[in-house]
Amino acid sequence: MLTPLFSLSAAIAADANAKETGASVVFVLMEKKQASVADLIDTLLIFKGKNAGKISADEKIKLLTELNIITGSTKIYPEKNLNKGFAALLFHRAMDLKGGAMIGLAGRSRRSCLQDMIYLKIMPDSSEKNSMSGPELISLLTKAKEYMNTEKAGIAVDSEPQSETVKN
């Protein structure tokens, strides 16, 4: 677990505005067995490079609404325990992923976003109702940042190395 934390610390350090707040959020999350929706909100702000250190939860939600991460139909209860489906839904929006055929036809749902994130290897295989721990939320943040960096660089991500055929 040290590697994602160090790469995340480097990502946070790259953004001076989010450095102080981001580092403290990460260290608090490392100890949490159950993450909350408020933790997800803070993590999404770090992901977007926004400094939200001393603003209220309502102002953070308003900021995420302005960034089109939280839509009008999404209900936010910061004190509630976080599940993987809700985290996938909001991170899917934050990453501006287009999604697969189901998302194209039916729109984003917790289940379809989680399945898309699993397919992209950003989240591990699980159910959308599974609770999410602090370290899992940090891992999601790290993998989402890595994915976005590879996408910006135009690097094709291949999960399995290609085998070469040798003709005799």
N, C-alpha and C. Protein backbone atom coordinates (compact mmCIF):
# COMPACT_ATOMS: atom_id res chain seq x y z
N MET A 1 0.81 -1.19 0.00
CA MET A 1 0.00 0.00 0.00
C MET A 1 0.86 1.26 0.00
N LEU A 2 2.14 1.13 0.22
CA LEU A 2 3.00 2.30 0.27
C LEU A 2 3.18 2.94 -1.09
N THR A 3 3.25 2.15 -2.15
CA THR A 3 3.47 2.71 -3.47
C THR A 3 2.36 3.68 -3.87
N PRO A 4 1.04 3.28 -3.75
CA PRO A 4 0.01 4.26 -4.11
C PRO A 4 0.06 5.51 -3.25
N LEU A 5 0.38 5.37 -1.98
CA LEU A 5 0.44 6.54 -1.10
C LEU A 5 1.53 7.49 -1.55
N PHE A 6 2.71 6.95 -1.90
CA PHE A 6 3.79 7.82 -2.35
C PHE A 6 3.46 8.47 -3.69
N SER A 7 2.87 7.72 -4.63
CA SER A 7 2.53 8.33 -5.91
C SER A 7 1.41 9.35 -5.73
N LEU A 8 0.50 9.10 -4.80
CA LEU A 8 -0.56 10.06 -4.51
C LEU A 8 0.02 11.30 -3.88
N SER A 9 0.96 11.14 -2.96
CA SER A 9 1.61 12.29 -2.33
C SER A 9 2.31 13.15 -3.38
N ALA A 10 2.92 12.50 -4.37
CA ALA A 10 3.58 13.24 -5.44
C ALA A 10 2.56 13.99 -6.28
N ALA A 11 1.40 13.34 -6.53
CA ALA A 11 0.35 14.00 -7.31
C ALA A 11 -0.21 15.20 -6.55
N ILE A 12 -0.38 15.05 -5.25
CA ILE A 12 -0.89 16.16 -4.43
C ILE A 12 0.14 17.28 -4.38
N ALA A 13 1.41 16.92 -4.24
CA ALA A 13 2.46 17.93 -4.16
C ALA A 13 2.56 18.73 -5.46
N ALA A 14 2.16 18.13 -6.58
CA ALA A 14 2.22 18.82 -7.85
C ALA A 14 1.23 19.98 -7.92
N ASP A 15 0.17 19.91 -7.13
CA ASP A 15 -0.82 20.98 -7.11
C ASP A 15 -0.70 21.73 -5.79
N ALA A 16 -0.12 22.90 -5.82
CA ALA A 16 0.13 23.66 -4.60
C ALA A 16 -1.15 23.99 -3.85
N ASN A 17 -2.26 24.23 -4.55
CA ASN A 17 -3.51 24.57 -3.89
C ASN A 17 -4.05 23.41 -3.06
N ALA A 18 -3.88 22.19 -3.52
CA ALA A 18 -4.47 21.04 -2.84
C ALA A 18 -3.48 20.35 -1.92
N LYS A 19 -2.24 20.81 -1.89
CA LYS A 19 -1.18 20.11 -1.16
C LYS A 19 -1.49 19.91 0.31
N GLU A 20 -1.72 20.97 1.04
CA GLU A 20 -1.91 20.85 2.48
C GLU A 20 -3.17 20.08 2.81
N THR A 21 -4.29 20.44 2.20
CA THR A 21 -5.55 19.77 2.46
C THR A 21 -5.50 18.32 2.01
N GLY A 22 -4.98 18.07 0.81
CA GLY A 22 -4.93 16.72 0.25
C GLY A 22 -4.12 15.77 1.10
N ALA A 23 -2.97 16.20 1.56
CA ALA A 23 -2.12 15.34 2.37
C ALA A 23 -2.81 14.97 3.68
N SER A 24 -3.47 15.92 4.31
CA SER A 24 -4.14 15.61 5.57
C SER A 24 -5.32 14.67 5.35
N VAL A 25 -6.05 14.84 4.26
CA VAL A 25 -7.17 13.94 3.95
C VAL A 25 -6.65 12.52 3.74
N VAL A 26 -5.56 12.38 2.99
CA VAL A 26 -4.99 11.07 2.71
C VAL A 26 -4.57 10.37 4.00
N PHE A 27 -3.91 11.06 4.88
CA PHE A 27 -3.43 10.43 6.11
C PHE A 27 -4.58 10.04 7.04
N VAL A 28 -5.64 10.84 7.06
CA VAL A 28 -6.82 10.48 7.86
C VAL A 28 -7.50 9.25 7.25
N LEU A 29 -7.61 9.22 5.93
CA LEU A 29 -8.27 8.09 5.27
C LEU A 29 -7.52 6.78 5.46
N MET A 30 -6.21 6.84 5.58
CA MET A 30 -5.42 5.61 5.76
C MET A 30 -5.86 4.82 6.98
N GLU A 31 -6.42 5.48 7.97
CA GLU A 31 -6.81 4.84 9.22
C GLU A 31 -8.29 4.45 9.27
N LYS A 32 -9.07 4.83 8.27
CA LYS A 32 -10.51 4.61 8.33
C LYS A 32 -10.90 3.23 7.78
N LYS A 33 -11.63 2.49 8.61
CA LYS A 33 -12.14 1.19 8.15
C LYS A 33 -13.39 1.38 7.31
N GLN A 34 -14.12 2.48 7.53
CA GLN A 34 -15.32 2.80 6.77
C GLN A 34 -15.27 4.27 6.35
N ALA A 35 -15.19 4.50 5.05
CA ALA A 35 -15.19 5.87 4.53
C ALA A 35 -16.62 6.40 4.50
N SER A 36 -16.74 7.71 4.55
CA SER A 36 -18.06 8.35 4.49
C SER A 36 -18.19 9.10 3.16
N VAL A 37 -19.40 9.54 2.89
CA VAL A 37 -19.64 10.35 1.69
C VAL A 37 -18.85 11.65 1.78
N ALA A 38 -18.69 12.20 2.98
CA ALA A 38 -17.88 13.41 3.15
C ALA A 38 -16.43 13.15 2.73
N ASP A 39 -15.91 11.95 3.03
CA ASP A 39 -14.56 11.59 2.59
C ASP A 39 -14.48 11.55 1.06
N LEU A 40 -15.52 11.01 0.44
CA LEU A 40 -15.57 10.97 -1.02
C LEU A 40 -15.56 12.38 -1.60
N ILE A 41 -16.32 13.28 -1.01
CA ILE A 41 -16.38 14.67 -1.48
C ILE A 41 -14.99 15.30 -1.41
N ASP A 42 -14.30 15.11 -0.28
CA ASP A 42 -12.94 15.66 -0.15
C ASP A 42 -11.99 15.04 -1.18
N THR A 43 -12.13 13.75 -1.40
CA THR A 43 -11.27 13.04 -2.35
C THR A 43 -11.52 13.54 -3.78
N LEU A 44 -12.77 13.75 -4.13
CA LEU A 44 -13.09 14.27 -5.46
C LEU A 44 -12.52 15.67 -5.66
N LEU A 45 -12.54 16.49 -4.62
CA LEU A 45 -11.96 17.83 -4.73
C LEU A 45 -10.45 17.74 -4.93
N ILE A 46 -9.80 16.80 -4.24
CA ILE A 46 -8.36 16.58 -4.46
C ILE A 46 -8.13 16.16 -5.90
N PHE A 47 -8.95 15.23 -6.39
CA PHE A 47 -8.83 14.72 -7.76
C PHE A 47 -8.93 15.86 -8.77
N LYS A 48 -9.82 16.80 -8.52
CA LYS A 48 -10.01 17.92 -9.43
C LYS A 48 -9.04 19.07 -9.16
N GLY A 49 -8.15 18.92 -8.15
CA GLY A 49 -7.14 19.93 -7.87
C GLY A 49 -7.70 21.18 -7.19
N LYS A 50 -8.77 21.01 -6.44
CA LYS A 50 -9.41 22.14 -5.76
C LYS A 50 -9.05 22.14 -4.29
N ASN A 51 -8.77 23.31 -3.75
CA ASN A 51 -8.47 23.45 -2.33
C ASN A 51 -9.76 23.76 -1.60
N ALA A 52 -10.20 22.83 -0.76
CA ALA A 52 -11.45 23.02 -0.04
C ALA A 52 -11.22 22.86 1.45
N GLY A 53 -10.09 23.32 1.92
CA GLY A 53 -9.69 23.11 3.30
C GLY A 53 -10.65 23.63 4.34
N LYS A 54 -11.08 24.85 4.26
CA LYS A 54 -11.87 25.42 5.35
C LYS A 54 -13.27 25.83 4.91
N ILE A 55 -13.81 25.19 3.88
CA ILE A 55 -15.16 25.52 3.47
C ILE A 55 -16.12 24.44 3.99
N SER A 56 -17.37 24.80 4.11
CA SER A 56 -18.37 23.88 4.67
C SER A 56 -18.71 22.77 3.68
N ALA A 57 -19.37 21.74 4.19
CA ALA A 57 -19.78 20.61 3.35
C ALA A 57 -20.73 21.10 2.24
N ASP A 58 -21.62 22.01 2.57
CA ASP A 58 -22.55 22.53 1.56
C ASP A 58 -21.82 23.27 0.45
N GLU A 59 -20.78 24.02 0.81
CA GLU A 59 -20.00 24.73 -0.21
C GLU A 59 -19.20 23.75 -1.07
N LYS A 60 -18.71 22.67 -0.46
CA LYS A 60 -18.00 21.64 -1.22
C LYS A 60 -18.94 20.98 -2.22
N ILE A 61 -20.16 20.68 -1.77
CA ILE A 61 -21.16 20.06 -2.65
C ILE A 61 -21.51 21.03 -3.79
N LYS A 62 -21.63 22.31 -3.47
CA LYS A 62 -21.92 23.31 -4.51
C LYS A 62 -20.79 23.37 -5.53
N LEU A 63 -19.56 23.30 -5.07
CA LEU A 63 -18.40 23.31 -5.96
C LEU A 63 -18.42 22.09 -6.89
N LEU A 64 -18.72 20.91 -6.34
CA LEU A 64 -18.79 19.70 -7.16
C LEU A 64 -19.98 19.75 -8.12
N THR A 65 -21.04 20.43 -7.73
CA THR A 65 -22.19 20.61 -8.63
C THR A 65 -21.79 21.51 -9.79
N GLU A 66 -21.05 22.57 -9.52
CA GLU A 66 -20.58 23.47 -10.57
C GLU A 66 -19.63 22.75 -11.54
N LEU A 67 -18.93 21.74 -11.04
CA LEU A 67 -18.01 20.95 -11.88
C LEU A 67 -18.74 19.81 -12.60
N ASN A 68 -20.07 19.74 -12.45
CA ASN A 68 -20.91 18.70 -13.05
C ASN A 68 -20.56 17.28 -12.59
N ILE A 69 -20.05 17.18 -11.38
CA ILE A 69 -19.78 15.86 -10.80
C ILE A 69 -21.01 15.41 -10.03
N ILE A 70 -21.64 16.33 -9.35
CA ILE A 70 -22.91 16.06 -8.67
C ILE A 70 -23.99 16.73 -9.51
N THR A 71 -24.99 15.94 -9.90
CA THR A 71 -26.09 16.49 -10.70
C THR A 71 -27.27 16.79 -9.79
N GLY A 72 -28.25 17.48 -10.33
CA GLY A 72 -29.42 17.86 -9.56
C GLY A 72 -30.19 16.69 -8.98
N SER A 73 -30.16 15.54 -9.65
CA SER A 73 -30.91 14.38 -9.18
C SER A 73 -30.16 13.57 -8.12
N THR A 74 -28.90 13.87 -7.88
CA THR A 74 -28.09 13.12 -6.92
C THR A 74 -28.26 13.71 -5.53
N LYS A 75 -28.68 12.87 -4.60
CA LYS A 75 -28.83 13.29 -3.21
C LYS A 75 -27.54 13.00 -2.46
N ILE A 76 -27.05 13.98 -1.72
CA ILE A 76 -25.80 13.86 -0.99
C ILE A 76 -26.07 13.94 0.51
N TYR A 77 -25.64 12.91 1.21
CA TYR A 77 -25.73 12.87 2.67
C TYR A 77 -24.32 12.63 3.19
N PRO A 78 -23.58 13.71 3.50
CA PRO A 78 -22.16 13.58 3.87
C PRO A 78 -21.89 12.63 5.04
N GLU A 79 -22.81 12.48 5.98
CA GLU A 79 -22.57 11.66 7.16
C GLU A 79 -22.76 10.16 6.89
N LYS A 80 -23.34 9.78 5.76
CA LYS A 80 -23.62 8.38 5.44
C LYS A 80 -22.33 7.64 5.11
N ASN A 81 -22.36 6.32 5.36
CA ASN A 81 -21.25 5.46 4.97
C ASN A 81 -21.19 5.37 3.44
N LEU A 82 -19.99 5.29 2.92
CA LEU A 82 -19.77 5.26 1.48
C LEU A 82 -19.82 3.83 0.97
N ASN A 83 -20.53 3.63 -0.15
CA ASN A 83 -20.47 2.32 -0.81
C ASN A 83 -19.78 2.48 -2.16
N LYS A 84 -19.33 1.36 -2.72
CA LYS A 84 -18.51 1.40 -3.93
C LYS A 84 -19.28 1.90 -5.15
N GLY A 85 -20.57 1.62 -5.20
CA GLY A 85 -21.37 2.09 -6.33
C GLY A 85 -21.45 3.60 -6.40
N PHE A 86 -21.67 4.24 -5.26
CA PHE A 86 -21.76 5.70 -5.23
C PHE A 86 -20.41 6.33 -5.55
N ALA A 87 -19.35 5.75 -5.02
CA ALA A 87 -18.00 6.26 -5.33
C ALA A 87 -17.72 6.13 -6.82
N ALA A 88 -18.09 5.00 -7.41
CA ALA A 88 -17.87 4.78 -8.84
C ALA A 88 -18.67 5.78 -9.67
N LEU A 89 -19.92 6.04 -9.28
CA LEU A 89 -20.77 6.97 -10.01
C LEU A 89 -20.16 8.37 -10.05
N LEU A 90 -19.74 8.87 -8.89
CA LEU A 90 -19.19 10.23 -8.85
C LEU A 90 -17.80 10.31 -9.49
N PHE A 91 -16.97 9.29 -9.31
CA PHE A 91 -15.66 9.31 -9.96
C PHE A 91 -15.81 9.18 -11.48
N HIS A 92 -16.78 8.41 -11.93
CA HIS A 92 -17.04 8.27 -13.37
C HIS A 92 -17.35 9.63 -13.98
N ARG A 93 -18.18 10.41 -13.27
CA ARG A 93 -18.49 11.76 -13.73
C ARG A 93 -17.27 12.67 -13.65
N ALA A 94 -16.52 12.56 -12.56
CA ALA A 94 -15.34 13.42 -12.37
C ALA A 94 -14.29 13.17 -13.45
N MET A 95 -14.18 11.92 -13.88
CA MET A 95 -13.21 11.56 -14.91
C MET A 95 -13.76 11.82 -16.31
N ASP A 96 -15.03 12.16 -16.40
CA ASP A 96 -15.71 12.41 -17.67
C ASP A 96 -15.58 11.21 -18.61
N LEU A 97 -15.79 10.02 -18.06
CA LEU A 97 -15.74 8.81 -18.87
C LEU A 97 -17.05 8.68 -19.64
N LYS A 98 -16.96 8.21 -20.85
CA LYS A 98 -18.15 8.05 -21.68
C LYS A 98 -18.88 6.76 -21.35
N GLY A 99 -18.14 5.70 -21.00
CA GLY A 99 -18.76 4.45 -20.60
C GLY A 99 -19.06 3.53 -21.77
N GLY A 100 -19.55 2.37 -21.40
CA GLY A 100 -19.86 1.34 -22.39
C GLY A 100 -21.27 1.49 -22.95
N ALA A 101 -21.73 0.43 -23.58
CA ALA A 101 -23.04 0.42 -24.25
C ALA A 101 -24.18 0.67 -23.27
N MET A 102 -24.15 0.05 -22.10
CA MET A 102 -25.23 0.22 -21.13
C MET A 102 -25.35 1.67 -20.67
N ILE A 103 -24.24 2.30 -20.44
CA ILE A 103 -24.28 3.70 -20.02
C ILE A 103 -24.78 4.57 -21.18
N GLY A 104 -24.38 4.23 -22.39
CA GLY A 104 -24.85 4.97 -23.55
C GLY A 104 -26.36 4.85 -23.74
N LEU A 105 -26.91 3.68 -23.47
CA LEU A 105 -28.34 3.44 -23.65
C LEU A 105 -29.18 3.93 -22.47
N ALA A 106 -28.76 3.58 -21.27
CA ALA A 106 -29.60 3.82 -20.08
C ALA A 106 -29.10 4.98 -19.22
N GLY A 107 -27.94 5.50 -19.49
CA GLY A 107 -27.38 6.55 -18.65
C GLY A 107 -26.57 5.96 -17.50
N ARG A 108 -25.97 6.84 -16.74
CA ARG A 108 -25.12 6.40 -15.63
C ARG A 108 -25.97 5.90 -14.47
N SER A 109 -25.56 4.77 -13.92
CA SER A 109 -26.12 4.27 -12.67
C SER A 109 -24.95 3.79 -11.83
N ARG A 110 -25.20 3.57 -10.56
CA ARG A 110 -24.12 3.10 -9.69
C ARG A 110 -23.53 1.80 -10.22
N ARG A 111 -24.40 0.88 -10.60
CA ARG A 111 -23.96 -0.43 -11.07
C ARG A 111 -23.18 -0.33 -12.38
N SER A 112 -23.72 0.41 -13.37
CA SER A 112 -23.04 0.49 -14.67
C SER A 112 -21.71 1.23 -14.56
N CYS A 113 -21.65 2.26 -13.72
CA CYS A 113 -20.39 2.98 -13.55
C CYS A 113 -19.35 2.10 -12.86
N LEU A 114 -19.79 1.32 -11.86
CA LEU A 114 -18.85 0.42 -11.20
C LEU A 114 -18.33 -0.62 -12.18
N GLN A 115 -19.22 -1.19 -13.00
CA GLN A 115 -18.79 -2.19 -13.98
C GLN A 115 -17.80 -1.58 -14.98
N ASP A 116 -18.04 -0.35 -15.39
CA ASP A 116 -17.14 0.33 -16.31
C ASP A 116 -15.78 0.57 -15.65
N MET A 117 -15.79 0.98 -14.39
CA MET A 117 -14.53 1.24 -13.66
C MET A 117 -13.77 -0.07 -13.42
N ILE A 118 -14.50 -1.17 -13.22
CA ILE A 118 -13.86 -2.48 -13.07
C ILE A 118 -13.22 -2.87 -14.40
N TYR A 119 -13.94 -2.68 -15.49
CA TYR A 119 -13.42 -3.01 -16.82
C TYR A 119 -12.15 -2.23 -17.13
N LEU A 120 -12.12 -0.97 -16.72
CA LEU A 120 -10.94 -0.12 -16.96
C LEU A 120 -9.82 -0.35 -15.95
N LYS A 121 -10.06 -1.26 -15.00
CA LYS A 121 -9.09 -1.62 -13.96
C LYS A 121 -8.78 -0.44 -13.02
N ILE A 122 -9.78 0.41 -12.82
CA ILE A 122 -9.64 1.51 -11.89
C ILE A 122 -10.14 1.08 -10.51
N MET A 123 -11.13 0.18 -10.50
CA MET A 123 -11.67 -0.37 -9.25
C MET A 123 -11.63 -1.90 -9.33
N PRO A 124 -11.46 -2.56 -8.18
CA PRO A 124 -11.48 -4.02 -8.19
C PRO A 124 -12.91 -4.54 -8.30
N ASP A 125 -13.05 -5.78 -8.73
CA ASP A 125 -14.36 -6.41 -8.88
C ASP A 125 -15.07 -6.47 -7.53
N SER A 126 -16.29 -5.99 -7.49
CA SER A 126 -17.08 -6.00 -6.26
C SER A 126 -18.52 -5.63 -6.60
N SER A 127 -19.35 -5.56 -5.58
CA SER A 127 -20.75 -5.15 -5.74
C SER A 127 -20.87 -3.67 -5.42
N GLU A 128 -21.87 -3.03 -6.04
CA GLU A 128 -22.04 -1.60 -5.79
C GLU A 128 -22.49 -1.32 -4.37
N LYS A 129 -22.99 -2.34 -3.67
CA LYS A 129 -23.47 -2.15 -2.30
C LYS A 129 -22.38 -2.37 -1.25
N ASN A 130 -21.22 -2.88 -1.67
CA ASN A 130 -20.13 -3.09 -0.73
C ASN A 130 -19.66 -1.76 -0.15
N SER A 131 -19.38 -1.75 1.15
CA SER A 131 -18.87 -0.53 1.77
C SER A 131 -17.42 -0.31 1.33
N MET A 132 -16.99 0.92 1.47
CA MET A 132 -15.65 1.29 1.03
C MET A 132 -14.85 1.82 2.21
N SER A 133 -13.63 1.33 2.34
CA SER A 133 -12.75 1.78 3.42
C SER A 133 -11.94 2.99 2.95
N GLY A 134 -11.28 3.63 3.89
CA GLY A 134 -10.42 4.76 3.56
C GLY A 134 -9.29 4.38 2.61
N PRO A 135 -8.54 3.29 2.91
CA PRO A 135 -7.47 2.90 1.98
C PRO A 135 -7.99 2.56 0.58
N GLU A 136 -9.19 1.99 0.48
CA GLU A 136 -9.77 1.70 -0.83
C GLU A 136 -10.08 3.00 -1.58
N LEU A 137 -10.53 4.01 -0.86
CA LEU A 137 -10.81 5.31 -1.48
C LEU A 137 -9.51 5.96 -1.96
N ILE A 138 -8.45 5.82 -1.19
CA ILE A 138 -7.15 6.35 -1.62
C ILE A 138 -6.67 5.61 -2.87
N SER A 139 -6.86 4.29 -2.89
CA SER A 139 -6.48 3.50 -4.06
C SER A 139 -7.28 3.95 -5.29
N LEU A 140 -8.57 4.21 -5.12
CA LEU A 140 -9.39 4.69 -6.22
C LEU A 140 -8.87 6.02 -6.74
N LEU A 141 -8.54 6.93 -5.85
CA LEU A 141 -8.00 8.23 -6.24
C LEU A 141 -6.70 8.06 -7.03
N THR A 142 -5.83 7.22 -6.53
CA THR A 142 -4.53 6.99 -7.18
C THR A 142 -4.71 6.40 -8.57
N LYS A 143 -5.55 5.36 -8.68
CA LYS A 143 -5.75 4.71 -9.98
C LYS A 143 -6.46 5.64 -10.96
N ALA A 144 -7.37 6.45 -10.47
CA ALA A 144 -8.06 7.40 -11.34
C ALA A 144 -7.08 8.44 -11.88
N LYS A 145 -6.19 8.94 -11.02
CA LYS A 145 -5.17 9.90 -11.47
C LYS A 145 -4.22 9.26 -12.48
N GLU A 146 -3.80 8.03 -12.21
CA GLU A 146 -2.92 7.32 -13.14
C GLU A 146 -3.61 7.12 -14.49
N TYR A 147 -4.87 6.72 -14.45
CA TYR A 147 -5.63 6.51 -15.69
C TYR A 147 -5.72 7.81 -16.49
N MET A 148 -6.05 8.90 -15.81
CA MET A 148 -6.17 10.18 -16.50
C MET A 148 -4.82 10.62 -17.08
N ASN A 149 -3.74 10.37 -16.35
CA ASN A 149 -2.41 10.74 -16.85
C ASN A 149 -2.05 9.93 -18.09
N THR A 150 -2.38 8.64 -18.12
CA THR A 150 -2.08 7.82 -19.30
C THR A 150 -2.97 8.23 -20.47
N GLU A 151 -4.21 8.62 -20.19
CA GLU A 151 -5.11 9.08 -21.25
C GLU A 151 -4.61 10.39 -21.85
N LYS A 152 -4.17 11.32 -21.01
CA LYS A 152 -3.66 12.61 -21.50
C LYS A 152 -2.40 12.42 -22.33
N ALA A 153 -1.60 11.46 -21.93
CA ALA A 153 -0.35 11.21 -22.65
C ALA A 153 -0.59 10.40 -23.93
N GLY A 154 -1.82 9.87 -24.09
CA GLY A 154 -2.13 9.08 -25.28
C GLY A 154 -1.52 7.70 -25.24
N ILE A 155 -1.26 7.22 -24.04
CA ILE A 155 -0.66 5.90 -23.89
C ILE A 155 -1.77 4.87 -23.86
N ALA A 156 -1.63 3.86 -24.69
CA ALA A 156 -2.61 2.77 -24.68
C ALA A 156 -2.32 1.88 -23.49
N VAL A 157 -3.34 1.60 -22.71
CA VAL A 157 -3.19 0.75 -21.53
C VAL A 157 -3.62 -0.66 -21.92
N ASP A 158 -2.69 -1.60 -21.88
CA ASP A 158 -2.98 -2.98 -22.23
C ASP A 158 -2.72 -3.84 -21.00
N SER A 159 -3.74 -4.59 -20.59
CA SER A 159 -3.61 -5.36 -19.35
C SER A 159 -2.76 -6.61 -19.52
N GLU A 160 -2.68 -7.16 -20.73
CA GLU A 160 -1.89 -8.36 -20.93
C GLU A 160 -0.88 -8.10 -22.05
N PRO A 161 0.36 -8.54 -21.84
CA PRO A 161 1.36 -8.34 -22.90
C PRO A 161 1.04 -9.21 -24.12
N GLN A 162 1.32 -8.66 -25.28
CA GLN A 162 1.08 -9.41 -26.52
C GLN A 162 2.16 -10.47 -26.69
N SER A 163 1.74 -11.65 -27.08
CA SER A 163 2.72 -12.72 -27.33
C SER A 163 3.08 -12.70 -28.80
N GLU A 164 4.30 -13.00 -29.06
CA GLU A 164 4.77 -13.02 -30.44
C GLU A 164 4.73 -14.45 -30.95
N THR A 165 4.38 -14.59 -32.22
CA THR A 165 4.36 -15.91 -32.83
C THR A 165 5.64 -16.08 -33.63
N VAL A 166 6.25 -17.20 -33.44
CA VAL A 166 7.50 -17.48 -34.15
C VAL A 166 7.24 -18.57 -35.17
N LYS A 167 7.54 -18.28 -36.43
CA LYS A 167 7.35 -19.28 -37.49
C LYS A 167 8.67 -20.00 -37.70
N ASN A 168 8.58 -21.29 -37.83
CA ASN A 168 9.78 -22.10 -38.10
C ASN A 168 9.91 -22.39 -39.55
